[in-house]
Amino acid sequence: MQGAVSKEGITADLEAMKATGIAGAYLMPIKGIPEEPFIIPVVEQLSPLWWKMVDFAFKEA
């Protein structure tokens, strides 16, 4: 989401999803990086780092 991706954020989101009973998700890259990024480092969609974060999310889930 706009380059704001971190392992800590992924873990927190997955834990919150589990706590509310969400048992699945759909992954779709949307919206590019804003002029003023939300977090640093920025993770650009479909970049090698982005795919590493996707892999982490799958394993974490």
N, C-alpha and C. Protein backbone atom coordinates (compact mmCIF):
# COMPACT_ATOMS: atom_id res chain seq x y z
N MET A 1 0.84 -1.18 0.00
CA MET A 1 0.00 0.00 0.00
C MET A 1 0.88 1.24 0.00
N GLN A 2 1.02 1.79 -1.15
CA GLN A 2 1.79 3.03 -1.32
C GLN A 2 3.20 2.91 -0.76
N GLY A 3 3.79 1.73 -0.88
CA GLY A 3 5.16 1.54 -0.45
C GLY A 3 5.35 1.35 1.04
N ALA A 4 4.26 1.41 1.82
CA ALA A 4 4.36 1.30 3.28
C ALA A 4 4.22 -0.17 3.69
N VAL A 5 5.33 -0.90 3.59
CA VAL A 5 5.33 -2.33 3.91
C VAL A 5 6.50 -2.62 4.84
N SER A 6 6.22 -3.36 5.92
CA SER A 6 7.28 -3.79 6.82
C SER A 6 6.90 -5.15 7.38
N LYS A 7 7.89 -5.91 7.82
CA LYS A 7 7.61 -7.21 8.43
C LYS A 7 6.75 -7.05 9.68
N GLU A 8 7.05 -6.02 10.47
CA GLU A 8 6.27 -5.77 11.69
C GLU A 8 4.81 -5.46 11.34
N GLY A 9 4.61 -4.67 10.31
CA GLY A 9 3.26 -4.33 9.88
C GLY A 9 2.51 -5.53 9.34
N ILE A 10 3.20 -6.36 8.58
CA ILE A 10 2.58 -7.58 8.06
C ILE A 10 2.14 -8.47 9.21
N THR A 11 3.02 -8.69 10.19
CA THR A 11 2.68 -9.53 11.34
C THR A 11 1.50 -8.95 12.11
N ALA A 12 1.51 -7.66 12.36
CA ALA A 12 0.41 -7.02 13.09
C ALA A 12 -0.91 -7.17 12.33
N ASP A 13 -0.87 -6.96 11.02
CA ASP A 13 -2.09 -7.10 10.22
C ASP A 13 -2.61 -8.53 10.24
N LEU A 14 -1.72 -9.51 10.10
CA LEU A 14 -2.15 -10.91 10.13
C LEU A 14 -2.72 -11.30 11.49
N GLU A 15 -2.12 -10.82 12.56
CA GLU A 15 -2.64 -11.12 13.91
C GLU A 15 -4.01 -10.49 14.10
N ALA A 16 -4.19 -9.28 13.62
CA ALA A 16 -5.50 -8.61 13.74
C ALA A 16 -6.55 -9.33 12.89
N MET A 17 -6.16 -9.78 11.71
CA MET A 17 -7.09 -10.52 10.86
C MET A 17 -7.52 -11.81 11.55
N LYS A 18 -6.56 -12.52 12.13
CA LYS A 18 -6.88 -13.77 12.84
C LYS A 18 -7.80 -13.51 14.02
N ALA A 19 -7.52 -12.46 14.78
CA ALA A 19 -8.31 -12.13 15.97
C ALA A 19 -9.77 -11.81 15.62
N THR A 20 -10.00 -11.31 14.42
CA THR A 20 -11.37 -10.97 14.03
C THR A 20 -12.04 -12.06 13.21
N GLY A 21 -11.34 -13.19 13.03
CA GLY A 21 -11.93 -14.32 12.34
C GLY A 21 -11.74 -14.33 10.83
N ILE A 22 -10.91 -13.45 10.32
CA ILE A 22 -10.64 -13.46 8.88
C ILE A 22 -9.68 -14.61 8.59
N ALA A 23 -10.08 -15.50 7.70
CA ALA A 23 -9.28 -16.70 7.46
C ALA A 23 -8.63 -16.72 6.07
N GLY A 24 -8.74 -15.63 5.34
CA GLY A 24 -8.13 -15.59 4.00
C GLY A 24 -7.98 -14.15 3.56
N ALA A 25 -7.22 -13.98 2.51
CA ALA A 25 -6.99 -12.63 2.00
C ALA A 25 -6.71 -12.69 0.50
N TYR A 26 -6.87 -11.58 -0.16
CA TYR A 26 -6.58 -11.44 -1.58
C TYR A 26 -5.50 -10.39 -1.71
N LEU A 27 -4.44 -10.72 -2.40
CA LEU A 27 -3.32 -9.80 -2.56
C LEU A 27 -3.39 -9.16 -3.94
N MET A 28 -3.40 -7.83 -3.95
CA MET A 28 -3.42 -7.11 -5.21
C MET A 28 -2.65 -5.81 -5.04
N PRO A 29 -1.59 -5.59 -5.83
CA PRO A 29 -0.85 -4.34 -5.71
C PRO A 29 -1.70 -3.17 -6.20
N ILE A 30 -1.78 -2.13 -5.38
CA ILE A 30 -2.54 -0.94 -5.75
C ILE A 30 -1.77 0.31 -5.36
N LYS A 31 -2.00 1.34 -6.05
CA LYS A 31 -1.50 2.68 -5.74
C LYS A 31 0.01 2.72 -5.50
N GLY A 32 0.68 3.51 -6.28
CA GLY A 32 2.13 3.65 -6.18
C GLY A 32 2.57 4.46 -4.97
N ILE A 33 3.85 4.73 -4.93
CA ILE A 33 4.46 5.45 -3.82
C ILE A 33 4.10 6.93 -3.90
N PRO A 34 3.63 7.53 -2.79
CA PRO A 34 3.31 8.96 -2.80
C PRO A 34 4.59 9.80 -2.80
N GLU A 35 4.44 11.08 -3.10
CA GLU A 35 5.60 11.98 -3.11
C GLU A 35 6.31 11.99 -1.76
N GLU A 36 5.54 11.94 -0.68
CA GLU A 36 6.10 11.88 0.67
C GLU A 36 5.73 10.52 1.26
N PRO A 37 6.66 9.55 1.21
CA PRO A 37 6.33 8.19 1.67
C PRO A 37 5.93 8.16 3.14
N PHE A 38 5.11 7.16 3.47
CA PHE A 38 4.64 6.98 4.84
C PHE A 38 5.73 6.43 5.75
N ILE A 39 6.56 5.52 5.21
CA ILE A 39 7.65 4.93 5.98
C ILE A 39 8.88 4.82 5.09
N ILE A 40 10.03 4.69 5.72
CA ILE A 40 11.29 4.46 5.03
C ILE A 40 11.88 3.16 5.59
N PRO A 41 12.34 2.21 4.84
CA PRO A 41 12.47 2.29 3.39
C PRO A 41 11.14 2.02 2.70
N VAL A 42 11.00 2.60 1.54
CA VAL A 42 9.81 2.39 0.71
C VAL A 42 9.97 1.05 -0.01
N VAL A 43 8.89 0.30 -0.08
CA VAL A 43 8.91 -0.98 -0.79
C VAL A 43 8.06 -0.81 -2.05
N GLU A 44 8.74 -0.62 -3.18
CA GLU A 44 8.02 -0.40 -4.43
C GLU A 44 7.39 -1.70 -4.92
N GLN A 45 6.12 -1.59 -5.36
CA GLN A 45 5.39 -2.75 -5.81
C GLN A 45 6.13 -3.50 -6.91
N LEU A 46 6.09 -4.81 -6.81
CA LEU A 46 6.67 -5.74 -7.77
C LEU A 46 8.20 -5.71 -7.83
N SER A 47 8.82 -4.98 -6.90
CA SER A 47 10.29 -4.97 -6.81
C SER A 47 10.75 -6.25 -6.11
N PRO A 48 12.04 -6.59 -6.20
CA PRO A 48 12.53 -7.77 -5.48
C PRO A 48 12.23 -7.71 -3.97
N LEU A 49 12.37 -6.53 -3.36
CA LEU A 49 12.06 -6.41 -1.93
C LEU A 49 10.58 -6.64 -1.67
N TRP A 50 9.71 -6.15 -2.54
CA TRP A 50 8.27 -6.36 -2.40
C TRP A 50 7.95 -7.85 -2.41
N TRP A 51 8.56 -8.59 -3.36
CA TRP A 51 8.33 -10.03 -3.43
C TRP A 51 8.85 -10.74 -2.18
N LYS A 52 9.94 -10.25 -1.60
CA LYS A 52 10.43 -10.82 -0.34
C LYS A 52 9.40 -10.61 0.77
N MET A 53 8.75 -9.45 0.78
CA MET A 53 7.72 -9.18 1.79
C MET A 53 6.49 -10.06 1.55
N VAL A 54 6.15 -10.30 0.30
CA VAL A 54 5.04 -11.21 -0.02
C VAL A 54 5.37 -12.61 0.49
N ASP A 55 6.59 -13.07 0.23
CA ASP A 55 7.02 -14.38 0.72
C ASP A 55 6.96 -14.44 2.24
N PHE A 56 7.41 -13.38 2.91
CA PHE A 56 7.34 -13.33 4.37
C PHE A 56 5.88 -13.43 4.83
N ALA A 57 4.99 -12.70 4.17
CA ALA A 57 3.57 -12.73 4.56
C ALA A 57 2.99 -14.13 4.42
N PHE A 58 3.32 -14.82 3.33
CA PHE A 58 2.83 -16.19 3.14
C PHE A 58 3.33 -17.10 4.24
N LYS A 59 4.61 -17.01 4.55
CA LYS A 59 5.19 -17.87 5.59
C LYS A 59 4.64 -17.51 6.97
N GLU A 60 4.46 -16.23 7.23
CA GLU A 60 3.95 -15.76 8.52
C GLU A 60 2.51 -16.22 8.72
N ALA A 61 1.74 -16.20 7.65
CA ALA A 61 0.33 -16.61 7.73
C ALA A 61 0.22 -18.10 8.03
